Amino acid sequence: MKTITIRDLRQRWPEAEAALKVENEILITRDSKPVAMLVRVNPAANARARWDMKAHARWQKRIAGGKLSRSDATLAQSRADRALIGKPK
């Protein structure tokens, strides 16, 4: 098992991260005494589902019934006089 000091962990994180890809565990020491263990996490097991914009839009339409909220209407009204950049007049 690889060991690394707290100081080296702070100052040389990229090397520690690279070592963690090879090793499953890294022992962290302070004054030559073990204080913690750094373990690799399986990212696939802990992965969150990505936010799906289309599914959210369907949900929003279903909940709102196709109506604009007051804040949406106010925003639309305040932005109505703005010219879009790059759009021909």
PDB file of N, CA and C in Angstrom:
ATOM      1  N   MET A   1       0.850  -1.175   0.000  1.00  0.00           N
ATOM      2  CA  MET A   1       0.000   0.000   0.000  1.00  0.00           C
ATOM      3  C   MET A   1       0.892   1.233   0.000  1.00  0.00           C
ATOM      4  N   LYS A   2       0.533   2.178  -0.824  1.00  0.00           N
ATOM      5  CA  LYS A   2       1.293   3.422  -0.947  1.00  0.00           C
ATOM      6  C   LYS A   2       0.951   4.340   0.225  1.00  0.00           C
ATOM      7  N   THR A   3       1.962   5.083   0.687  1.00  0.00           N
ATOM      8  CA  THR A   3       1.743   6.073   1.742  1.00  0.00           C
ATOM      9  C   THR A   3       2.131   7.447   1.220  1.00  0.00           C
ATOM     10  N   ILE A   4       1.482   8.469   1.789  1.00  0.00           N
ATOM     11  CA  ILE A   4       1.764   9.839   1.414  1.00  0.00           C
ATOM     12  C   ILE A   4       1.523  10.720   2.636  1.00  0.00           C
ATOM     13  N   THR A   5       2.309  11.765   2.769  1.00  0.00           N
ATOM     14  CA  THR A   5       2.116  12.668   3.900  1.00  0.00           C
ATOM     15  C   THR A   5       0.996  13.653   3.582  1.00  0.00           C
ATOM     16  N   ILE A   6       0.435  14.237   4.637  1.00  0.00           N
ATOM     17  CA  ILE A   6      -0.608  15.241   4.439  1.00  0.00           C
ATOM     18  C   ILE A   6      -0.066  16.399   3.615  1.00  0.00           C
ATOM     19  N   ARG A   7       1.166  16.810   3.892  1.00  0.00           N
ATOM     20  CA  ARG A   7       1.767  17.922   3.158  1.00  0.00           C
ATOM     21  C   ARG A   7       1.891  17.598   1.669  1.00  0.00           C
ATOM     22  N   ASP A   8       2.388  16.392   1.366  1.00  0.00           N
ATOM     23  CA  ASP A   8       2.510  15.993  -0.039  1.00  0.00           C
ATOM     24  C   ASP A   8       1.141  15.889  -0.710  1.00  0.00           C
ATOM     25  N   LEU A   9       0.157  15.450   0.037  1.00  0.00           N
ATOM     26  CA  LEU A   9      -1.192  15.356  -0.512  1.00  0.00           C
ATOM     27  C   LEU A   9      -1.719  16.734  -0.901  1.00  0.00           C
ATOM     28  N   ARG A  10      -1.487  17.727  -0.042  1.00  0.00           N
ATOM     29  CA  ARG A  10      -1.942  19.084  -0.351  1.00  0.00           C
ATOM     30  C   ARG A  10      -1.155  19.693  -1.504  1.00  0.00           C
ATOM     31  N   GLN A  11       0.150  19.508  -1.504  1.00  0.00           N
ATOM     32  CA  GLN A  11       1.001  20.184  -2.484  1.00  0.00           C
ATOM     33  C   GLN A  11       1.119  19.431  -3.804  1.00  0.00           C
ATOM     34  N   ARG A  12       0.868  18.147  -3.787  1.00  0.00           N
ATOM     35  CA  ARG A  12       1.043  17.336  -4.997  1.00  0.00           C
ATOM     36  C   ARG A  12      -0.191  16.489  -5.288  1.00  0.00           C
ATOM     37  N   TRP A  13      -1.364  17.121  -5.254  1.00  0.00           N
ATOM     38  CA  TRP A  13      -2.600  16.382  -5.481  1.00  0.00           C
ATOM     39  C   TRP A  13      -2.628  15.649  -6.816  1.00  0.00           C
ATOM     40  N   PRO A  14      -2.183  16.248  -7.930  1.00  0.00           N
ATOM     41  CA  PRO A  14      -2.244  15.505  -9.200  1.00  0.00           C
ATOM     42  C   PRO A  14      -1.482  14.175  -9.159  1.00  0.00           C
ATOM     43  N   GLU A  15      -0.328  14.166  -8.502  1.00  0.00           N
ATOM     44  CA  GLU A  15       0.425  12.913  -8.391  1.00  0.00           C
ATOM     45  C   GLU A  15      -0.312  11.904  -7.513  1.00  0.00           C
ATOM     46  N   ALA A  16      -0.913  12.384  -6.429  1.00  0.00           N
ATOM     47  CA  ALA A  16      -1.670  11.489  -5.545  1.00  0.00           C
ATOM     48  C   ALA A  16      -2.883  10.919  -6.264  1.00  0.00           C
ATOM     49  N   GLU A  17      -3.543  11.762  -7.042  1.00  0.00           N
ATOM     50  CA  GLU A  17      -4.702  11.293  -7.793  1.00  0.00           C
ATOM     51  C   GLU A  17      -4.299  10.253  -8.834  1.00  0.00           C
ATOM     52  N   ALA A  18      -3.163  10.470  -9.491  1.00  0.00           N
ATOM     53  CA  ALA A  18      -2.664   9.499 -10.468  1.00  0.00           C
ATOM     54  C   ALA A  18      -2.305   8.180  -9.784  1.00  0.00           C
ATOM     55  N   ALA A  19      -1.700   8.272  -8.599  1.00  0.00           N
ATOM     56  CA  ALA A  19      -1.352   7.062  -7.860  1.00  0.00           C
ATOM     57  C   ALA A  19      -2.603   6.310  -7.421  1.00  0.00           C
ATOM     58  N   LEU A  20      -3.651   7.041  -7.113  1.00  0.00           N
ATOM     59  CA  LEU A  20      -4.898   6.413  -6.684  1.00  0.00           C
ATOM     60  C   LEU A  20      -5.552   5.638  -7.821  1.00  0.00           C
ATOM     61  N   LYS A  21      -5.273   6.023  -9.060  1.00  0.00           N
ATOM     62  CA  LYS A  21      -5.804   5.273 -10.196  1.00  0.00           C
ATOM     63  C   LYS A  21      -5.145   3.903 -10.298  1.00  0.00           C
ATOM     64  N   VAL A  22      -3.894   3.813  -9.824  1.00  0.00           N
ATOM     65  CA  VAL A  22      -3.159   2.541  -9.870  1.00  0.00           C
ATOM     66  C   VAL A  22      -3.433   1.734  -8.609  1.00  0.00           C
ATOM     67  N   GLU A  23      -3.339   2.397  -7.466  1.00  0.00           N
ATOM     68  CA  GLU A  23      -3.562   1.756  -6.168  1.00  0.00           C
ATOM     69  C   GLU A  23      -5.039   1.875  -5.800  1.00  0.00           C
ATOM     70  N   ASN A  24      -5.535   0.959  -5.007  1.00  0.00           N
ATOM     71  CA  ASN A  24      -6.904   1.076  -4.516  1.00  0.00           C
ATOM     72  C   ASN A  24      -6.978   1.951  -3.272  1.00  0.00           C
ATOM     73  N   GLU A  25      -5.898   1.970  -2.502  1.00  0.00           N
ATOM     74  CA  GLU A  25      -5.873   2.715  -1.251  1.00  0.00           C
ATOM     75  C   GLU A  25      -4.536   3.418  -1.090  1.00  0.00           C
ATOM     76  N   ILE A  26      -4.566   4.605  -0.488  1.00  0.00           N
ATOM     77  CA  ILE A  26      -3.345   5.322  -0.139  1.00  0.00           C
ATOM     78  C   ILE A  26      -3.455   5.694   1.332  1.00  0.00           C
ATOM     79  N   LEU A  27      -2.429   5.363   2.096  1.00  0.00           N
ATOM     80  CA  LEU A  27      -2.392   5.675   3.519  1.00  0.00           C
ATOM     81  C   LEU A  27      -1.815   7.077   3.690  1.00  0.00           C
ATOM     82  N   ILE A  28      -2.520   7.927   4.412  1.00  0.00           N
ATOM     83  CA  ILE A  28      -2.076   9.297   4.638  1.00  0.00           C
ATOM     84  C   ILE A  28      -1.472   9.375   6.031  1.00  0.00           C
ATOM     85  N   THR A  29      -0.265   9.966   6.109  1.00  0.00           N
ATOM     86  CA  THR A  29       0.436  10.012   7.391  1.00  0.00           C
ATOM     87  C   THR A  29       0.752  11.437   7.819  1.00  0.00           C
ATOM     88  N   ARG A  30       0.902  11.604   9.126  1.00  0.00           N
ATOM     89  CA  ARG A  30       1.390  12.854   9.720  1.00  0.00           C
ATOM     90  C   ARG A  30       2.401  12.444  10.785  1.00  0.00           C
ATOM     91  N   ASP A  31       3.582  13.008  10.691  1.00  0.00           N
ATOM     92  CA  ASP A  31       4.672  12.652  11.613  1.00  0.00           C
ATOM     93  C   ASP A  31       4.907  11.142  11.634  1.00  0.00           C
ATOM     94  N   SER A  32       4.882  10.545  10.467  1.00  0.00           N
ATOM     95  CA  SER A  32       5.109   9.109  10.251  1.00  0.00           C
ATOM     96  C   SER A  32       4.058   8.216  10.896  1.00  0.00           C
ATOM     97  N   LYS A  33       2.934   8.784  11.306  1.00  0.00           N
ATOM     98  CA  LYS A  33       1.855   7.988  11.893  1.00  0.00           C
ATOM     99  C   LYS A  33       0.626   8.062  10.993  1.00  0.00           C
ATOM    100  N   PRO A  34      -0.021   6.934  10.759  1.00  0.00           N
ATOM    101  CA  PRO A  34      -1.201   6.947   9.888  1.00  0.00           C
ATOM    102  C   PRO A  34      -2.347   7.741  10.520  1.00  0.00           C
ATOM    103  N   VAL A  35      -2.973   8.609   9.704  1.00  0.00           N
ATOM    104  CA  VAL A  35      -4.092   9.405  10.194  1.00  0.00           C
ATOM    105  C   VAL A  35      -5.358   9.192   9.369  1.00  0.00           C
ATOM    106  N   ALA A  36      -5.212   8.759   8.117  1.00  0.00           N
ATOM    107  CA  ALA A  36      -6.381   8.568   7.262  1.00  0.00           C
ATOM    108  C   ALA A  36      -6.026   7.646   6.112  1.00  0.00           C
ATOM    109  N   MET A  37      -7.063   7.195   5.436  1.00  0.00           N
ATOM    110  CA  MET A  37      -6.859   6.367   4.259  1.00  0.00           C
ATOM    111  C   MET A  37      -7.702   6.944   3.126  1.00  0.00           C
ATOM    112  N   LEU A  38      -7.080   7.096   1.994  1.00  0.00           N
ATOM    113  CA  LEU A  38      -7.747   7.596   0.798  1.00  0.00           C
ATOM    114  C   LEU A  38      -8.068   6.390  -0.076  1.00  0.00           C
ATOM    115  N   VAL A  39      -9.337   6.220  -0.417  1.00  0.00           N
ATOM    116  CA  VAL A  39      -9.736   5.068  -1.219  1.00  0.00           C
ATOM    117  C   VAL A  39     -10.384   5.530  -2.515  1.00  0.00           C
ATOM    118  N   ARG A  40     -10.239   4.739  -3.526  1.00  0.00           N
ATOM    119  CA  ARG A  40     -10.824   5.044  -4.824  1.00  0.00           C
ATOM    120  C   ARG A  40     -12.310   4.693  -4.794  1.00  0.00           C
ATOM    121  N   VAL A  41     -13.108   5.550  -5.396  1.00  0.00           N
ATOM    122  CA  VAL A  41     -14.551   5.347  -5.461  1.00  0.00           C
ATOM    123  C   VAL A  41     -14.906   4.937  -6.876  1.00  0.00           C
ATOM    124  N   ASN A  42     -15.814   3.992  -6.992  1.00  0.00           N
ATOM    125  CA  ASN A  42     -16.279   3.573  -8.296  1.00  0.00           C
ATOM    126  C   ASN A  42     -17.269   4.621  -8.794  1.00  0.00           C
ATOM    127  N   PRO A  43     -16.907   5.438  -9.787  1.00  0.00           N
ATOM    128  CA  PRO A  43     -17.799   6.519 -10.209  1.00  0.00           C
ATOM    129  C   PRO A  43     -19.110   6.028 -10.812  1.00  0.00           C
ATOM    130  N   ALA A  44     -19.125   4.864 -11.414  1.00  0.00           N
ATOM    131  CA  ALA A  44     -20.356   4.362 -12.030  1.00  0.00           C
ATOM    132  C   ALA A  44     -21.400   4.032 -10.965  1.00  0.00           C
ATOM    133  N   ALA A  45     -20.959   3.558  -9.808  1.00  0.00           N
ATOM    134  CA  ALA A  45     -21.897   3.183  -8.752  1.00  0.00           C
ATOM    135  C   ALA A  45     -22.516   4.412  -8.095  1.00  0.00           C
ATOM    136  N   ASN A  46     -21.793   5.523  -8.075  1.00  0.00           N
ATOM    137  CA  ASN A  46     -22.269   6.724  -7.405  1.00  0.00           C
ATOM    138  C   ASN A  46     -22.707   7.818  -8.366  1.00  0.00           C
ATOM    139  N   ALA A  47     -22.818   7.504  -9.632  1.00  0.00           N
ATOM    140  CA  ALA A  47     -23.124   8.529 -10.629  1.00  0.00           C
ATOM    141  C   ALA A  47     -24.577   8.984 -10.518  1.00  0.00           C
ATOM    142  N   ARG A  48     -24.768  10.286 -10.613  1.00  0.00           N
ATOM    143  CA  ARG A  48     -26.117  10.849 -10.641  1.00  0.00           C
ATOM    144  C   ARG A  48     -26.623  10.827 -12.069  1.00  0.00           C
ATOM    145  N   ALA A  49     -27.912  10.737 -12.196  1.00  0.00           N
ATOM    146  CA  ALA A  49     -28.506  10.805 -13.532  1.00  0.00           C
ATOM    147  C   ALA A  49     -28.372  12.237 -14.037  1.00  0.00           C
ATOM    148  N   ARG A  50     -28.058  12.384 -15.294  1.00  0.00           N
ATOM    149  CA  ARG A  50     -27.926  13.712 -15.885  1.00  0.00           C
ATOM    150  C   ARG A  50     -29.290  14.363 -15.969  1.00  0.00           C
ATOM    151  N   TRP A  51     -29.307  15.685 -15.865  1.00  0.00           N
ATOM    152  CA  TRP A  51     -30.544  16.441 -15.963  1.00  0.00           C
ATOM    153  C   TRP A  51     -31.008  16.413 -17.404  1.00  0.00           C
ATOM    154  N   ASP A  52     -32.245  16.024 -17.612  1.00  0.00           N
ATOM    155  CA  ASP A  52     -32.804  15.916 -18.957  1.00  0.00           C
ATOM    156  C   ASP A  52     -33.708  17.115 -19.210  1.00  0.00           C
ATOM    157  N   MET A  53     -33.268  18.026 -20.063  1.00  0.00           N
ATOM    158  CA  MET A  53     -33.983  19.260 -20.331  1.00  0.00           C
ATOM    159  C   MET A  53     -35.357  18.980 -20.950  1.00  0.00           C
ATOM    160  N   LYS A  54     -35.436  18.046 -21.865  1.00  0.00           N
ATOM    161  CA  LYS A  54     -36.710  17.758 -22.529  1.00  0.00           C
ATOM    162  C   LYS A  54     -37.715  17.143 -21.550  1.00  0.00           C
ATOM    163  N   ALA A  55     -37.241  16.241 -20.696  1.00  0.00           N
ATOM    164  CA  ALA A  55     -38.137  15.650 -19.692  1.00  0.00           C
ATOM    165  C   ALA A  55     -38.615  16.712 -18.709  1.00  0.00           C
ATOM    166  N   HIS A  56     -37.737  17.623 -18.342  1.00  0.00           N
ATOM    167  CA  HIS A  56     -38.132  18.701 -17.438  1.00  0.00           C
ATOM    168  C   HIS A  56     -39.162  19.616 -18.098  1.00  0.00           C
ATOM    169  N   ALA A  57     -38.991  19.912 -19.377  1.00  0.00           N
ATOM    170  CA  ALA A  57     -39.944  20.754 -20.096  1.00  0.00           C
ATOM    171  C   ALA A  57     -41.313  20.072 -20.174  1.00  0.00           C
ATOM    172  N   ARG A  58     -41.321  18.748 -20.394  1.00  0.00           N
ATOM    173  CA  ARG A  58     -42.596  18.019 -20.409  1.00  0.00           C
ATOM    174  C   ARG A  58     -43.267  18.078 -19.045  1.00  0.00           C
ATOM    175  N   TRP A  59     -42.492  17.887 -17.986  1.00  0.00           N
ATOM    176  CA  TRP A  59     -43.022  17.960 -16.630  1.00  0.00           C
ATOM    177  C   TRP A  59     -43.579  19.350 -16.342  1.00  0.00           C
ATOM    178  N   GLN A  60     -42.821  20.366 -16.727  1.00  0.00           N
ATOM    179  CA  GLN A  60     -43.238  21.739 -16.483  1.00  0.00           C
ATOM    180  C   GLN A  60     -44.536  22.056 -17.228  1.00  0.00           C
ATOM    181  N   LYS A  61     -44.649  21.598 -18.448  1.00  0.00           N
ATOM    182  CA  LYS A  61     -45.859  21.837 -19.245  1.00  0.00           C
ATOM    183  C   LYS A  61     -47.055  21.113 -18.633  1.00  0.00           C
ATOM    184  N   ARG A  62     -46.812  19.895 -18.142  1.00  0.00           N
ATOM    185  CA  ARG A  62     -47.881  19.121 -17.526  1.00  0.00           C
ATOM    186  C   ARG A  62     -48.351  19.785 -16.226  1.00  0.00           C
ATOM    187  N   ILE A  63     -47.444  20.250 -15.419  1.00  0.00           N
ATOM    188  CA  ILE A  63     -47.774  20.873 -14.135  1.00  0.00           C
ATOM    189  C   ILE A  63     -48.434  22.232 -14.343  1.00  0.00           C
ATOM    190  N   ALA A  64     -47.888  23.048 -15.223  1.00  0.00           N
ATOM    191  CA  ALA A  64     -48.394  24.409 -15.420  1.00  0.00           C
ATOM    192  C   ALA A  64     -49.587  24.454 -16.355  1.00  0.00           C
ATOM    193  N   GLY A  65     -49.863  23.373 -17.046  1.00  0.00           N
ATOM    194  CA  GLY A  65     -50.987  23.360 -17.975  1.00  0.00           C
ATOM    195  C   GLY A  65     -50.778  24.259 -19.175  1.00  0.00           C
ATOM    196  N   GLY A  66     -49.536  24.544 -19.518  1.00  0.00           N
ATOM    197  CA  GLY A  66     -49.235  25.382 -20.670  1.00  0.00           C
ATOM    198  C   GLY A  66     -49.338  26.870 -20.385  1.00  0.00           C
ATOM    199  N   LYS A  67     -49.653  27.247 -19.150  1.00  0.00           N
ATOM    200  CA  LYS A  67     -49.779  28.662 -18.803  1.00  0.00           C
ATOM    201  C   LYS A  67     -48.429  29.217 -18.367  1.00  0.00           C
ATOM    202  N   LEU A  68     -48.223  30.494 -18.624  1.00  0.00           N
ATOM    203  CA  LEU A  68     -47.027  31.160 -18.146  1.00  0.00           C
ATOM    204  C   LEU A  68     -47.242  31.570 -16.693  1.00  0.00           C
ATOM    205  N   SER A  69     -46.207  31.448 -15.894  1.00  0.00           N
ATOM    206  CA  SER A  69     -46.317  31.930 -14.516  1.00  0.00           C
ATOM    207  C   SER A  69     -46.231  33.451 -14.514  1.00  0.00           C
ATOM    208  N   ARG A  70     -46.542  34.052 -13.397  1.00  0.00           N
ATOM    209  CA  ARG A  70     -46.475  35.519 -13.315  1.00  0.00           C
ATOM    210  C   ARG A  70     -45.057  36.008 -13.589  1.00  0.00           C
ATOM    211  N   SER A  71     -44.074  35.305 -13.066  1.00  0.00           N
ATOM    212  CA  SER A  71     -42.700  35.752 -13.287  1.00  0.00           C
ATOM    213  C   SER A  71     -42.311  35.614 -14.758  1.00  0.00           C
ATOM    214  N   ASP A  72     -42.785  34.550 -15.429  1.00  0.00           N
ATOM    215  CA  ASP A  72     -42.498  34.382 -16.855  1.00  0.00           C
ATOM    216  C   ASP A  72     -43.123  35.510 -17.669  1.00  0.00           C
ATOM    217  N   ALA A  73     -44.361  35.850 -17.348  1.00  0.00           N
ATOM    218  CA  ALA A  73     -45.044  36.920 -18.073  1.00  0.00           C
ATOM    219  C   ALA A  73     -44.350  38.259 -17.847  1.00  0.00           C
ATOM    220  N   THR A  74     -43.927  38.523 -16.617  1.00  0.00           N
ATOM    221  CA  THR A  74     -43.229  39.772 -16.305  1.00  0.00           C
ATOM    222  C   THR A  74     -41.898  39.845 -17.031  1.00  0.00           C
ATOM    223  N   LEU A  75     -41.169  38.747 -17.049  1.00  0.00           N
ATOM    224  CA  LEU A  75     -39.890  38.712 -17.769  1.00  0.00           C
ATOM    225  C   LEU A  75     -40.099  38.924 -19.265  1.00  0.00           C
ATOM    226  N   ALA A  76     -41.091  38.258 -19.824  1.00  0.00           N
ATOM    227  CA  ALA A  76     -41.365  38.399 -21.251  1.00  0.00           C
ATOM    228  C   ALA A  76     -41.721  39.846 -21.587  1.00  0.00           C
ATOM    229  N   GLN A  77     -42.506  40.478 -20.741  1.00  0.00           N
ATOM    230  CA  GLN A  77     -42.899  41.865 -20.978  1.00  0.00           C
ATOM    231  C   GLN A  77     -41.698  42.803 -20.875  1.00  0.00           C
ATOM    232  N   SER A  78     -40.840  42.575 -19.877  1.00  0.00           N
ATOM    233  CA  SER A  78     -39.692  43.469 -19.712  1.00  0.00           C
ATOM    234  C   SER A  78     -38.647  43.280 -20.810  1.00  0.00           C
ATOM    235  N   ARG A  79     -38.628  42.117 -21.429  1.00  0.00           N
ATOM    236  CA  ARG A  79     -37.637  41.845 -22.476  1.00  0.00           C
ATOM    237  C   ARG A  79     -38.184  42.072 -23.885  1.00  0.00           C
ATOM    238  N   ALA A  80     -39.433  42.414 -24.021  1.00  0.00           N
ATOM    239  CA  ALA A  80     -40.066  42.546 -25.331  1.00  0.00           C
ATOM    240  C   ALA A  80     -39.412  43.635 -26.185  1.00  0.00           C
ATOM    241  N   ASP A  81     -38.926  44.696 -25.557  1.00  0.00           N
ATOM    242  CA  ASP A  81     -38.365  45.807 -26.322  1.00  0.00           C
ATOM    243  C   ASP A  81     -36.889  45.618 -26.659  1.00  0.00           C
ATOM    244  N   ARG A  82     -36.275  44.550 -26.191  1.00  0.00           N
ATOM    245  CA  ARG A  82     -34.843  44.314 -26.453  1.00  0.00           C
ATOM    246  C   ARG A  82     -34.652  43.746 -27.851  1.00  0.00           C
ATOM    247  N   ALA A  83     -33.606  44.232 -28.506  1.00  0.00           N
ATOM    248  CA  ALA A  83     -33.232  43.691 -29.826  1.00  0.00           C
ATOM    249  C   ALA A  83     -32.244  42.549 -29.611  1.00  0.00           C
ATOM    250  N   LEU A  84     -32.421  41.483 -30.321  1.00  0.00           N
ATOM    251  CA  LEU A  84     -31.501  40.359 -30.225  1.00  0.00           C
ATOM    252  C   LEU A  84     -30.229  40.685 -30.994  1.00  0.00           C
ATOM    253  N   ILE A  85     -29.091  40.338 -30.434  1.00  0.00           N
ATOM    254  CA  ILE A  85     -27.812  40.582 -31.077  1.00  0.00           C
ATOM    255  C   ILE A  85     -27.646  39.622 -32.244  1.00  0.00           C
ATOM    256  N   GLY A  86     -27.268  40.153 -33.381  1.00  0.00           N
ATOM    257  CA  GLY A  86     -27.016  39.335 -34.551  1.00  0.00           C
ATOM    258  C   GLY A  86     -28.256  39.031 -35.377  1.00  0.00           C
ATOM    259  N   LYS A  87     -29.413  39.442 -34.910  1.00  0.00           N
ATOM    260  CA  LYS A  87     -30.648  39.191 -35.655  1.00  0.00           C
ATOM    261  C   LYS A  87     -30.921  40.396 -36.577  1.00  0.00           C
ATOM    262  N   PRO A  88     -31.138  40.137 -37.850  1.00  0.00           N
ATOM    263  CA  PRO A  88     -31.423  41.255 -38.768  1.00  0.00           C
ATOM    264  C   PRO A  88     -32.745  41.927 -38.423  1.00  0.00           C
ATOM    265  N   LYS A  89     -32.771  43.240 -38.582  1.00  0.00           N
ATOM    266  CA  LYS A  89     -33.989  43.997 -38.252  1.00  0.00           C
ATOM    267  C   LYS A  89     -34.948  44.043 -39.409  1.00  0.00           C
TER     268      LYS A  89
END
